Amino acid sequence: ASGGIFAFYVMGWYRQAPGKQRELVATINTVDNTNYEDSVKGR
């Protein structure tokens, strides 16, 4: 990420498979709290 001084943010990854809607994969916030979509947990 560039173009800002980032504080109090959430960054994450989403994915979009052919013919499907974009979905959340995982997120991480400023204090390193993480969240995962069920199908990727543990992987």
PDB file of all heavy atoms in Angstrom:
ATOM      1  N   ALA A   1       0.843  -1.193   0.000  1.00  0.00           N
ATOM      2  CA  ALA A   1       0.000   0.000   0.000  1.00  0.00           C
ATOM      3  C   ALA A   1       0.881   1.247   0.000  1.00  0.00           C
ATOM      4  O   ALA A   1       1.888   1.303   0.711  1.00  0.00           O
ATOM      5  CB  ALA A   1      -0.902   0.001   1.220  1.00  0.00           C
ATOM      6  N   SER A   2       0.494   2.227  -0.788  1.00  0.00           N
ATOM      7  CA  SER A   2       1.237   3.484  -0.831  1.00  0.00           C
ATOM      8  C   SER A   2       0.264   4.642  -0.957  1.00  0.00           C
ATOM      9  O   SER A   2      -0.911   4.453  -1.276  1.00  0.00           O
ATOM     10  CB  SER A   2       2.218   3.481  -1.999  1.00  0.00           C
ATOM     11  OG  SER A   2       1.519   3.377  -3.226  1.00  0.00           O
ATOM     12  N   GLY A   3       0.778   5.834  -0.681  1.00  0.00           N
ATOM     13  CA  GLY A   3      -0.036   7.029  -0.874  1.00  0.00           C
ATOM     14  C   GLY A   3      -0.742   7.520   0.366  1.00  0.00           C
ATOM     15  O   GLY A   3      -1.611   8.394   0.275  1.00  0.00           O
ATOM     16  N   GLY A   4      -0.348   7.015   1.540  1.00  0.00           N
ATOM     17  CA  GLY A   4      -0.978   7.492   2.762  1.00  0.00           C
ATOM     18  C   GLY A   4      -0.183   7.075   3.975  1.00  0.00           C
ATOM     19  O   GLY A   4       0.733   6.255   3.874  1.00  0.00           O
ATOM     20  N   ILE A   5      -0.511   7.673   5.087  1.00  0.00           N
ATOM     21  CA  ILE A   5       0.063   7.250   6.370  1.00  0.00           C
ATOM     22  C   ILE A   5      -1.042   6.471   7.059  1.00  0.00           C
ATOM     23  O   ILE A   5      -2.000   7.039   7.575  1.00  0.00           O
ATOM     24  CB  ILE A   5       0.496   8.469   7.201  1.00  0.00           C
ATOM     25  CG1 ILE A   5       1.544   9.274   6.429  1.00  0.00           C
ATOM     26  CG2 ILE A   5       1.040   8.015   8.548  1.00  0.00           C
ATOM     27  CD1 ILE A   5       1.945  10.554   7.104  1.00  0.00           C
ATOM     28  N   PHE A   6      -0.890   5.157   7.048  1.00  0.00           N
ATOM     29  CA  PHE A   6      -1.997   4.300   7.405  1.00  0.00           C
ATOM     30  C   PHE A   6      -2.013   3.986   8.892  1.00  0.00           C
ATOM     31  O   PHE A   6      -1.063   3.447   9.434  1.00  0.00           O
ATOM     32  CB  PHE A   6      -1.935   3.015   6.583  1.00  0.00           C
ATOM     33  CG  PHE A   6      -1.908   3.266   5.108  1.00  0.00           C
ATOM     34  CD1 PHE A   6      -0.779   3.004   4.353  1.00  0.00           C
ATOM     35  CD2 PHE A   6      -3.007   3.807   4.465  1.00  0.00           C
ATOM     36  CE1 PHE A   6      -0.747   3.254   2.995  1.00  0.00           C
ATOM     37  CE2 PHE A   6      -2.987   4.066   3.104  1.00  0.00           C
ATOM     38  CZ  PHE A   6      -1.859   3.791   2.370  1.00  0.00           C
ATOM     39  N   ALA A   7      -3.111   4.355   9.529  1.00  0.00           N
ATOM     40  CA  ALA A   7      -3.346   4.011  10.922  1.00  0.00           C
ATOM     41  C   ALA A   7      -4.833   3.703  11.047  1.00  0.00           C
ATOM     42  O   ALA A   7      -5.656   4.235  10.312  1.00  0.00           O
ATOM     43  CB  ALA A   7      -2.949   5.159  11.835  1.00  0.00           C
ATOM     44  N   PHE A   8      -5.180   2.840  12.006  1.00  0.00           N
ATOM     45  CA  PHE A   8      -6.572   2.452  12.234  1.00  0.00           C
ATOM     46  C   PHE A   8      -7.219   1.989  10.933  1.00  0.00           C
ATOM     47  O   PHE A   8      -8.167   2.583  10.425  1.00  0.00           O
ATOM     48  CB  PHE A   8      -7.362   3.606  12.848  1.00  0.00           C
ATOM     49  CG  PHE A   8      -6.720   4.147  14.088  1.00  0.00           C
ATOM     50  CD1 PHE A   8      -6.103   5.391  14.083  1.00  0.00           C
ATOM     51  CD2 PHE A   8      -6.698   3.413  15.254  1.00  0.00           C
ATOM     52  CE1 PHE A   8      -5.498   5.895  15.223  1.00  0.00           C
ATOM     53  CE2 PHE A   8      -6.106   3.904  16.405  1.00  0.00           C
ATOM     54  CZ  PHE A   8      -5.499   5.147  16.387  1.00  0.00           C
ATOM     55  N   TYR A   9      -6.688   0.936  10.383  1.00  0.00           N
ATOM     56  CA  TYR A   9      -7.161   0.420   9.119  1.00  0.00           C
ATOM     57  C   TYR A   9      -7.457  -1.066   9.243  1.00  0.00           C
ATOM     58  O   TYR A   9      -7.084  -1.721  10.219  1.00  0.00           O
ATOM     59  CB  TYR A   9      -6.097   0.632   8.038  1.00  0.00           C
ATOM     60  CG  TYR A   9      -4.787  -0.060   8.336  1.00  0.00           C
ATOM     61  CD1 TYR A   9      -4.611  -1.415   8.040  1.00  0.00           C
ATOM     62  CD2 TYR A   9      -3.747   0.633   8.938  1.00  0.00           C
ATOM     63  CE1 TYR A   9      -3.425  -2.055   8.340  1.00  0.00           C
ATOM     64  CE2 TYR A   9      -2.556  -0.011   9.238  1.00  0.00           C
ATOM     65  CZ  TYR A   9      -2.404  -1.351   8.935  1.00  0.00           C
ATOM     66  OH  TYR A   9      -1.226  -1.990   9.231  1.00  0.00           O
ATOM     67  N   VAL A  10      -8.074  -1.572   8.194  1.00  0.00           N
ATOM     68  CA  VAL A  10      -8.221  -3.010   8.013  1.00  0.00           C
ATOM     69  C   VAL A  10      -7.723  -3.336   6.608  1.00  0.00           C
ATOM     70  O   VAL A  10      -8.116  -2.667   5.644  1.00  0.00           O
ATOM     71  CB  VAL A  10      -9.681  -3.472   8.155  1.00  0.00           C
ATOM     72  CG1 VAL A  10      -9.785  -4.988   7.935  1.00  0.00           C
ATOM     73  CG2 VAL A  10     -10.235  -3.100   9.517  1.00  0.00           C
ATOM     74  N   MET A  11      -6.863  -4.296   6.516  1.00  0.00           N
ATOM     75  CA  MET A  11      -6.425  -4.767   5.201  1.00  0.00           C
ATOM     76  C   MET A  11      -6.857  -6.203   5.032  1.00  0.00           C
ATOM     77  O   MET A  11      -6.977  -6.946   6.018  1.00  0.00           O
ATOM     78  CB  MET A  11      -4.910  -4.652   5.031  1.00  0.00           C
ATOM     79  CG  MET A  11      -4.428  -3.220   4.917  1.00  0.00           C
ATOM     80  SD  MET A  11      -2.721  -3.092   4.322  1.00  0.00           S
ATOM     81  CE  MET A  11      -2.942  -3.428   2.567  1.00  0.00           C
ATOM     82  N   GLY A  12      -7.082  -6.568   3.804  1.00  0.00           N
ATOM     83  CA  GLY A  12      -7.551  -7.926   3.602  1.00  0.00           C
ATOM     84  C   GLY A  12      -7.420  -8.401   2.185  1.00  0.00           C
ATOM     85  O   GLY A  12      -6.960  -7.671   1.303  1.00  0.00           O
ATOM     86  N   TRP A  13      -7.805  -9.638   2.016  1.00  0.00           N
ATOM     87  CA  TRP A  13      -7.822 -10.278   0.708  1.00  0.00           C
ATOM     88  C   TRP A  13      -9.228 -10.787   0.428  1.00  0.00           C
ATOM     89  O   TRP A  13      -9.879 -11.376   1.299  1.00  0.00           O
ATOM     90  CB  TRP A  13      -6.845 -11.439   0.668  1.00  0.00           C
ATOM     91  CG  TRP A  13      -5.418 -11.025   0.746  1.00  0.00           C
ATOM     92  CD1 TRP A  13      -4.646 -10.895   1.866  1.00  0.00           C
ATOM     93  CD2 TRP A  13      -4.589 -10.646  -0.362  1.00  0.00           C
ATOM     94  NE1 TRP A  13      -3.382 -10.458   1.530  1.00  0.00           N
ATOM     95  CE2 TRP A  13      -3.331 -10.303   0.167  1.00  0.00           C
ATOM     96  CE3 TRP A  13      -4.780 -10.564  -1.739  1.00  0.00           C
ATOM     97  CZ2 TRP A  13      -2.271  -9.895  -0.654  1.00  0.00           C
ATOM     98  CZ3 TRP A  13      -3.728 -10.161  -2.535  1.00  0.00           C
ATOM     99  CH2 TRP A  13      -2.489  -9.828  -1.991  1.00  0.00           C
ATOM    100  N   TYR A  14      -9.668 -10.526  -0.792  1.00  0.00           N
ATOM    101  CA  TYR A  14     -10.918 -11.042  -1.296  1.00  0.00           C
ATOM    102  C   TYR A  14     -10.593 -11.829  -2.558  1.00  0.00           C
ATOM    103  O   TYR A  14      -9.512 -11.673  -3.138  1.00  0.00           O
ATOM    104  CB  TYR A  14     -11.887  -9.905  -1.628  1.00  0.00           C
ATOM    105  CG  TYR A  14     -12.422  -9.184  -0.412  1.00  0.00           C
ATOM    106  CD1 TYR A  14     -11.595  -8.378   0.357  1.00  0.00           C
ATOM    107  CD2 TYR A  14     -13.755  -9.314  -0.036  1.00  0.00           C
ATOM    108  CE1 TYR A  14     -12.084  -7.710   1.477  1.00  0.00           C
ATOM    109  CE2 TYR A  14     -14.266  -8.649   1.075  1.00  0.00           C
ATOM    110  CZ  TYR A  14     -13.419  -7.863   1.829  1.00  0.00           C
ATOM    111  OH  TYR A  14     -13.905  -7.205   2.939  1.00  0.00           O
ATOM    112  N   ARG A  15     -11.533 -12.649  -2.996  1.00  0.00           N
ATOM    113  CA  ARG A  15     -11.319 -13.387  -4.233  1.00  0.00           C
ATOM    114  C   ARG A  15     -12.625 -13.492  -5.003  1.00  0.00           C
ATOM    115  O   ARG A  15     -13.707 -13.459  -4.431  1.00  0.00           O
ATOM    116  CB  ARG A  15     -10.744 -14.772  -3.966  1.00  0.00           C
ATOM    117  CG  ARG A  15     -11.679 -15.720  -3.221  1.00  0.00           C
ATOM    118  CD  ARG A  15     -10.956 -17.015  -2.884  1.00  0.00           C
ATOM    119  NE  ARG A  15     -11.814 -17.940  -2.149  1.00  0.00           N
ATOM    120  CZ  ARG A  15     -11.404 -19.086  -1.624  1.00  0.00           C
ATOM    121  NH1 ARG A  15     -10.119 -19.455  -1.734  1.00  0.00           N
ATOM    122  NH2 ARG A  15     -12.256 -19.868  -0.980  1.00  0.00           N
ATOM    123  N   GLN A  16     -12.441 -13.644  -6.311  1.00  0.00           N
ATOM    124  CA  GLN A  16     -13.592 -13.808  -7.181  1.00  0.00           C
ATOM    125  C   GLN A  16     -13.295 -14.897  -8.183  1.00  0.00           C
ATOM    126  O   GLN A  16     -12.385 -14.744  -9.026  1.00  0.00           O
ATOM    127  CB  GLN A  16     -13.934 -12.502  -7.894  1.00  0.00           C
ATOM    128  CG  GLN A  16     -15.229 -12.562  -8.671  1.00  0.00           C
ATOM    129  CD  GLN A  16     -15.723 -11.194  -9.075  1.00  0.00           C
ATOM    130  OE1 GLN A  16     -14.983 -10.206  -9.058  1.00  0.00           O
ATOM    131  NE2 GLN A  16     -16.992 -11.112  -9.433  1.00  0.00           N
ATOM    132  N   ALA A  17     -14.042 -15.972  -8.085  1.00  0.00           N
ATOM    133  CA  ALA A  17     -13.912 -17.080  -9.021  1.00  0.00           C
ATOM    134  C   ALA A  17     -14.814 -16.814 -10.222  1.00  0.00           C
ATOM    135  O   ALA A  17     -15.787 -16.048 -10.127  1.00  0.00           O
ATOM    136  CB  ALA A  17     -14.297 -18.386  -8.338  1.00  0.00           C
ATOM    137  N   PRO A  18     -14.527 -17.436 -11.356  1.00  0.00           N
ATOM    138  CA  PRO A  18     -15.360 -17.234 -12.546  1.00  0.00           C
ATOM    139  C   PRO A  18     -16.830 -17.532 -12.265  1.00  0.00           C
ATOM    140  O   PRO A  18     -17.166 -18.578 -11.714  1.00  0.00           O
ATOM    141  CB  PRO A  18     -14.772 -18.224 -13.546  1.00  0.00           C
ATOM    142  CG  PRO A  18     -13.364 -18.414 -13.106  1.00  0.00           C
ATOM    143  CD  PRO A  18     -13.384 -18.321 -11.612  1.00  0.00           C
ATOM    144  N   GLY A  19     -17.686 -16.582 -12.619  1.00  0.00           N
ATOM    145  CA  GLY A  19     -19.116 -16.770 -12.455  1.00  0.00           C
ATOM    146  C   GLY A  19     -19.627 -16.615 -11.041  1.00  0.00           C
ATOM    147  O   GLY A  19     -20.814 -16.860 -10.774  1.00  0.00           O
ATOM    148  N   LYS A  20     -18.752 -16.198 -10.127  1.00  0.00           N
ATOM    149  CA  LYS A  20     -19.172 -16.049  -8.731  1.00  0.00           C
ATOM    150  C   LYS A  20     -18.936 -14.627  -8.247  1.00  0.00           C
ATOM    151  O   LYS A  20     -18.198 -13.858  -8.861  1.00  0.00           O
ATOM    152  CB  LYS A  20     -18.418 -17.035  -7.840  1.00  0.00           C
ATOM    153  CG  LYS A  20     -18.736 -18.493  -8.126  1.00  0.00           C
ATOM    154  CD  LYS A  20     -18.107 -19.392  -7.098  1.00  0.00           C
ATOM    155  CE  LYS A  20     -18.478 -20.847  -7.338  1.00  0.00           C
ATOM    156  NZ  LYS A  20     -17.882 -21.757  -6.310  1.00  0.00           N
ATOM    157  N   GLN A  21     -19.568 -14.302  -7.127  1.00  0.00           N
ATOM    158  CA  GLN A  21     -19.381 -12.985  -6.536  1.00  0.00           C
ATOM    159  C   GLN A  21     -18.056 -12.923  -5.782  1.00  0.00           C
ATOM    160  O   GLN A  21     -17.522 -13.948  -5.335  1.00  0.00           O
ATOM    161  CB  GLN A  21     -20.537 -12.677  -5.578  1.00  0.00           C
ATOM    162  CG  GLN A  21     -21.869 -12.440  -6.270  1.00  0.00           C
ATOM    163  CD  GLN A  21     -22.935 -11.967  -5.300  1.00  0.00           C
ATOM    164  OE1 GLN A  21     -22.900 -12.283  -4.119  1.00  0.00           O
ATOM    165  NE2 GLN A  21     -23.885 -11.198  -5.808  1.00  0.00           N
ATOM    166  N   ARG A  22     -17.565 -11.734  -5.619  1.00  0.00           N
ATOM    167  CA  ARG A  22     -16.355 -11.537  -4.832  1.00  0.00           C
ATOM    168  C   ARG A  22     -16.654 -11.883  -3.375  1.00  0.00           C
ATOM    169  O   ARG A  22     -17.703 -11.495  -2.843  1.00  0.00           O
ATOM    170  CB  ARG A  22     -15.875 -10.095  -4.949  1.00  0.00           C
ATOM    171  CG  ARG A  22     -14.488  -9.857  -4.389  1.00  0.00           C
ATOM    172  CD  ARG A  22     -14.024  -8.440  -4.666  1.00  0.00           C
ATOM    173  NE  ARG A  22     -13.920  -8.183  -6.101  1.00  0.00           N
ATOM    174  CZ  ARG A  22     -13.374  -7.072  -6.600  1.00  0.00           C
ATOM    175  NH1 ARG A  22     -12.885  -6.141  -5.795  1.00  0.00           N
ATOM    176  NH2 ARG A  22     -13.319  -6.889  -7.903  1.00  0.00           N
ATOM    177  N   GLU A  23     -15.731 -12.591  -2.745  1.00  0.00           N
ATOM    178  CA  GLU A  23     -15.945 -13.001  -1.365  1.00  0.00           C
ATOM    179  C   GLU A  23     -14.712 -12.705  -0.515  1.00  0.00           C
ATOM    180  O   GLU A  23     -13.582 -12.672  -1.013  1.00  0.00           O
ATOM    181  CB  GLU A  23     -16.250 -14.511  -1.283  1.00  0.00           C
ATOM    182  CG  GLU A  23     -15.124 -15.414  -1.727  1.00  0.00           C
ATOM    183  CD  GLU A  23     -15.408 -16.891  -1.504  1.00  0.00           C
ATOM    184  OE1 GLU A  23     -16.515 -17.245  -1.053  1.00  0.00           O
ATOM    185  OE2 GLU A  23     -14.504 -17.703  -1.777  1.00  0.00           O
ATOM    186  N   LEU A  24     -14.983 -12.507   0.761  1.00  0.00           N
ATOM    187  CA  LEU A  24     -13.906 -12.273   1.714  1.00  0.00           C
ATOM    188  C   LEU A  24     -13.076 -13.535   1.889  1.00  0.00           C
ATOM    189  O   LEU A  24     -13.622 -14.643   1.975  1.00  0.00           O
ATOM    190  CB  LEU A  24     -14.508 -11.869   3.059  1.00  0.00           C
ATOM    191  CG  LEU A  24     -13.554 -11.829   4.251  1.00  0.00           C
ATOM    192  CD1 LEU A  24     -12.633 -10.637   4.147  1.00  0.00           C
ATOM    193  CD2 LEU A  24     -14.336 -11.781   5.561  1.00  0.00           C
ATOM    194  N   VAL A  25     -11.766 -13.372   1.948  1.00  0.00           N
ATOM    195  CA  VAL A  25     -10.879 -14.486   2.268  1.00  0.00           C
ATOM    196  C   VAL A  25     -10.324 -14.322   3.686  1.00  0.00           C
ATOM    197  O   VAL A  25     -10.445 -15.205   4.518  1.00  0.00           O
ATOM    198  CB  VAL A  25      -9.719 -14.582   1.262  1.00  0.00           C
ATOM    199  CG1 VAL A  25      -8.763 -15.703   1.658  1.00  0.00           C
ATOM    200  CG2 VAL A  25     -10.248 -14.800  -0.146  1.00  0.00           C
ATOM    201  N   ALA A  26      -9.717 -13.167   3.939  1.00  0.00           N
ATOM    202  CA  ALA A  26      -9.116 -12.933   5.253  1.00  0.00           C
ATOM    203  C   ALA A  26      -8.882 -11.446   5.437  1.00  0.00           C
ATOM    204  O   ALA A  26      -8.671 -10.721   4.457  1.00  0.00           O
ATOM    205  CB  ALA A  26      -7.787 -13.674   5.387  1.00  0.00           C
ATOM    206  N   THR A  27      -8.937 -10.993   6.690  1.00  0.00           N
ATOM    207  CA  THR A  27      -8.629  -9.608   7.010  1.00  0.00           C
ATOM    208  C   THR A  27      -7.720  -9.545   8.234  1.00  0.00           C
ATOM    209  O   THR A  27      -7.687 -10.476   9.045  1.00  0.00           O
ATOM    210  CB  THR A  27      -9.885  -8.776   7.300  1.00  0.00           C
ATOM    211  OG1 THR A  27     -10.564  -9.350   8.434  1.00  0.00           O
ATOM    212  CG2 THR A  27     -10.825  -8.736   6.109  1.00  0.00           C
ATOM    213  N   ILE A  28      -7.033  -8.412   8.339  1.00  0.00           N
ATOM    214  CA  ILE A  28      -6.184  -8.137   9.495  1.00  0.00           C
ATOM    215  C   ILE A  28      -6.267  -6.650   9.789  1.00  0.00           C
ATOM    216  O   ILE A  28      -6.278  -5.835   8.863  1.00  0.00           O
ATOM    217  CB  ILE A  28      -4.724  -8.592   9.228  1.00  0.00           C
ATOM    218  CG1 ILE A  28      -3.878  -8.470  10.490  1.00  0.00           C
ATOM    219  CG2 ILE A  28      -4.100  -7.850   8.055  1.00  0.00           C
ATOM    220  CD1 ILE A  28      -2.530  -9.194  10.376  1.00  0.00           C
ATOM    221  N   ASN A  29      -6.351  -6.310  11.068  1.00  0.00           N
ATOM    222  CA  ASN A  29      -6.480  -4.885  11.386  1.00  0.00           C
ATOM    223  C   ASN A  29      -5.198  -4.353  12.032  1.00  0.00           C
ATOM    224  O   ASN A  29      -4.183  -5.049  12.130  1.00  0.00           O
ATOM    225  CB  ASN A  29      -7.708  -4.624  12.255  1.00  0.00           C
ATOM    226  CG  ASN A  29      -7.602  -5.231  13.643  1.00  0.00           C
ATOM    227  OD1 ASN A  29      -6.544  -5.715  14.053  1.00  0.00           O
ATOM    228  ND2 ASN A  29      -8.706  -5.201  14.362  1.00  0.00           N
ATOM    229  N   THR A  30      -5.284  -3.123  12.469  1.00  0.00           N
ATOM    230  CA  THR A  30      -4.119  -2.418  12.990  1.00  0.00           C
ATOM    231  C   THR A  30      -3.460  -3.158  14.149  1.00  0.00           C
ATOM    232  O   THR A  30      -2.234  -3.139  14.292  1.00  0.00           O
ATOM    233  CB  THR A  30      -4.525  -1.018  13.451  1.00  0.00           C
ATOM    234  OG1 THR A  30      -5.339  -0.414  12.452  1.00  0.00           O
ATOM    235  CG2 THR A  30      -3.318  -0.151  13.698  1.00  0.00           C
ATOM    236  N   VAL A  31      -4.300  -3.829  14.970  1.00  0.00           N
ATOM    237  CA  VAL A  31      -3.757  -4.503  16.163  1.00  0.00           C
ATOM    238  C   VAL A  31      -3.628  -6.005  15.938  1.00  0.00           C
ATOM    239  O   VAL A  31      -3.588  -6.778  16.878  1.00  0.00           O
ATOM    240  CB  VAL A  31      -4.604  -4.197  17.410  1.00  0.00           C
ATOM    241  CG1 VAL A  31      -4.490  -2.723  17.757  1.00  0.00           C
ATOM    242  CG2 VAL A  31      -6.061  -4.586  17.212  1.00  0.00           C
ATOM    243  N   ASP A  32      -3.587  -6.373  14.660  1.00  0.00           N
ATOM    244  CA  ASP A  32      -3.323  -7.752  14.249  1.00  0.00           C
ATOM    245  C   ASP A  32      -4.442  -8.740  14.566  1.00  0.00           C
ATOM    246  O   ASP A  32      -4.197  -9.955  14.621  1.00  0.00           O
ATOM    247  CB  ASP A  32      -2.002  -8.272  14.830  1.00  0.00           C
ATOM    248  CG  ASP A  32      -0.797  -7.600  14.206  1.00  0.00           C
ATOM    249  OD1 ASP A  32      -0.951  -7.012  13.114  1.00  0.00           O
ATOM    250  OD2 ASP A  32       0.286  -7.645  14.807  1.00  0.00           O
ATOM    251  N   ASN A  33      -5.642  -8.244  14.771  1.00  0.00           N
ATOM    252  CA  ASN A  33      -6.781  -9.159  14.837  1.00  0.00           C
ATOM    253  C   ASN A  33      -7.059  -9.663  13.426  1.00  0.00           C
ATOM    254  O   ASN A  33      -7.086  -8.885  12.478  1.00  0.00           O
ATOM    255  CB  ASN A  33      -8.017  -8.455  15.380  1.00  0.00           C
ATOM    256  CG  ASN A  33      -7.865  -8.100  16.842  1.00  0.00           C
ATOM    257  OD1 ASN A  33      -7.276  -8.841  17.616  1.00  0.00           O
ATOM    258  ND2 ASN A  33      -8.391  -6.951  17.221  1.00  0.00           N
ATOM    259  N   THR A  34      -7.267 -10.974  13.309  1.00  0.00           N
ATOM    260  CA  THR A  34      -7.483 -11.563  11.997  1.00  0.00           C
ATOM    261  C   THR A  34      -8.859 -12.227  11.910  1.00  0.00           C
ATOM    262  O   THR A  34      -9.458 -12.604  12.925  1.00  0.00           O
ATOM    263  CB  THR A  34      -6.410 -12.610  11.677  1.00  0.00           C
ATOM    264  OG1 THR A  34      -6.419 -13.623  12.692  1.00  0.00           O
ATOM    265  CG2 THR A  34      -5.036 -11.974  11.609  1.00  0.00           C
ATOM    266  N   ASN A  35      -9.308 -12.361  10.676  1.00  0.00           N
ATOM    267  CA  ASN A  35     -10.599 -12.991  10.413  1.00  0.00           C
ATOM    268  C   ASN A  35     -10.462 -13.777   9.122  1.00  0.00           C
ATOM    269  O   ASN A  35      -9.836 -13.295   8.161  1.00  0.00           O
ATOM    270  CB  ASN A  35     -11.675 -11.910  10.257  1.00  0.00           C
ATOM    271  CG  ASN A  35     -13.027 -12.512   9.958  1.00  0.00           C
ATOM    272  OD1 ASN A  35     -13.499 -13.396  10.650  1.00  0.00           O
ATOM    273  ND2 ASN A  35     -13.673 -12.025   8.901  1.00  0.00           N
ATOM    274  N   TYR A  36     -11.012 -14.991   9.101  1.00  0.00           N
ATOM    275  CA  TYR A  36     -10.879 -15.851   7.930  1.00  0.00           C
ATOM    276  C   TYR A  36     -12.231 -16.401   7.497  1.00  0.00           C
ATOM    277  O   TYR A  36     -13.093 -16.702   8.323  1.00  0.00           O
ATOM    278  CB  TYR A  36      -9.962 -17.044   8.235  1.00  0.00           C
ATOM    279  CG  TYR A  36      -8.532 -16.681   8.501  1.00  0.00           C
ATOM    280  CD1 TYR A  36      -8.091 -16.443   9.798  1.00  0.00           C
ATOM    281  CD2 TYR A  36      -7.617 -16.563   7.466  1.00  0.00           C
ATOM    282  CE1 TYR A  36      -6.777 -16.111  10.058  1.00  0.00           C
ATOM    283  CE2 TYR A  36      -6.295 -16.241   7.713  1.00  0.00           C
ATOM    284  CZ  TYR A  36      -5.884 -16.007   9.013  1.00  0.00           C
ATOM    285  OH  TYR A  36      -4.577 -15.666   9.254  1.00  0.00           O
ATOM    286  N   GLU A  37     -12.369 -16.559   6.193  1.00  0.00           N
ATOM    287  CA  GLU A  37     -13.517 -17.276   5.650  1.00  0.00           C
ATOM    288  C   GLU A  37     -13.361 -18.741   6.048  1.00  0.00           C
ATOM    289  O   GLU A  37     -12.243 -19.265   6.094  1.00  0.00           O
ATOM    290  CB  GLU A  37     -13.552 -17.094   4.140  1.00  0.00           C
ATOM    291  CG  GLU A  37     -14.855 -17.506   3.502  1.00  0.00           C
ATOM    292  CD  GLU A  37     -14.849 -18.941   3.033  1.00  0.00           C
ATOM    293  OE1 GLU A  37     -13.773 -19.450   2.708  1.00  0.00           O
ATOM    294  OE2 GLU A  37     -15.936 -19.556   3.032  1.00  0.00           O
ATOM    295  N   ASP A  38     -14.481 -19.405   6.323  1.00  0.00           N
ATOM    296  CA  ASP A  38     -14.416 -20.752   6.895  1.00  0.00           C
ATOM    297  C   ASP A  38     -13.608 -21.733   6.048  1.00  0.00           C
ATOM    298  O   ASP A  38     -12.869 -22.566   6.579  1.00  0.00           O
ATOM    299  CB  ASP A  38     -15.826 -21.303   7.101  1.00  0.00           C
ATOM    300  CG  ASP A  38     -16.538 -20.682   8.290  1.00  0.00           C
ATOM    301  OD1 ASP A  38     -15.858 -20.039   9.127  1.00  0.00           O
ATOM    302  OD2 ASP A  38     -17.767 -20.822   8.379  1.00  0.00           O
ATOM    303  N   SER A  39     -13.735 -21.650   4.746  1.00  0.00           N
ATOM    304  CA  SER A  39     -13.107 -22.658   3.897  1.00  0.00           C
ATOM    305  C   SER A  39     -11.584 -22.544   3.850  1.00  0.00           C
ATOM    306  O   SER A  39     -10.914 -23.467   3.379  1.00  0.00           O
ATOM    307  CB  SER A  39     -13.667 -22.580   2.475  1.00  0.00           C
ATOM    308  OG  SER A  39     -13.234 -21.402   1.823  1.00  0.00           O
ATOM    309  N   VAL A  40     -11.035 -21.436   4.316  1.00  0.00           N
ATOM    310  CA  VAL A  40      -9.575 -21.271   4.279  1.00  0.00           C
ATOM    311  C   VAL A  40      -8.936 -21.372   5.652  1.00  0.00           C
ATOM    312  O   VAL A  40      -7.710 -21.359   5.760  1.00  0.00           O
ATOM    313  CB  VAL A  40      -9.182 -19.937   3.610  1.00  0.00           C
ATOM    314  CG1 VAL A  40      -9.860 -19.797   2.251  1.00  0.00           C
ATOM    315  CG2 VAL A  40      -9.487 -18.748   4.495  1.00  0.00           C
ATOM    316  N   LYS A  41      -9.755 -21.464   6.689  1.00  0.00           N
ATOM    317  CA  LYS A  41      -9.206 -21.558   8.042  1.00  0.00           C
ATOM    318  C   LYS A  41      -8.294 -22.776   8.163  1.00  0.00           C
ATOM    319  O   LYS A  41      -8.639 -23.864   7.731  1.00  0.00           O
ATOM    320  CB  LYS A  41     -10.333 -21.651   9.068  1.00  0.00           C
ATOM    321  CG  LYS A  41     -11.070 -20.348   9.289  1.00  0.00           C
ATOM    322  CD  LYS A  41     -12.182 -20.514  10.315  1.00  0.00           C
ATOM    323  CE  LYS A  41     -12.917 -19.189  10.529  1.00  0.00           C
ATOM    324  NZ  LYS A  41     -14.051 -19.340  11.466  1.00  0.00           N
ATOM    325  N   GLY A  42      -7.139 -22.562   8.756  1.00  0.00           N
ATOM    326  CA  GLY A  42      -6.182 -23.642   8.922  1.00  0.00           C
ATOM    327  C   GLY A  42      -5.285 -23.848   7.713  1.00  0.00           C
ATOM    328  O   GLY A  42      -4.295 -24.579   7.793  1.00  0.00           O
ATOM    329  N   ARG A  43      -5.607 -23.218   6.597  1.00  0.00           N
ATOM    330  CA  ARG A  43      -4.790 -23.346   5.373  1.00  0.00           C
ATOM    331  C   ARG A  43      -4.128 -22.031   4.985  1.00  0.00           C
ATOM    332  O   ARG A  43      -3.007 -22.020   4.500  1.00  0.00           O
ATOM    333  CB  ARG A  43      -5.651 -23.848   4.219  1.00  0.00           C
ATOM    334  CG  ARG A  43      -6.303 -25.194   4.447  1.00  0.00           C
ATOM    335  CD  ARG A  43      -6.963 -25.717   3.168  1.00  0.00           C
ATOM    336  NE  ARG A  43      -8.031 -24.866   2.685  1.00  0.00           N
ATOM    337  CZ  ARG A  43      -8.051 -24.321   1.464  1.00  0.00           C
ATOM    338  NH1 ARG A  43      -7.068 -24.545   0.616  1.00  0.00           N
ATOM    339  NH2 ARG A  43      -9.075 -23.563   1.102  1.00  0.00           N
TER     340      ARG A  43
END
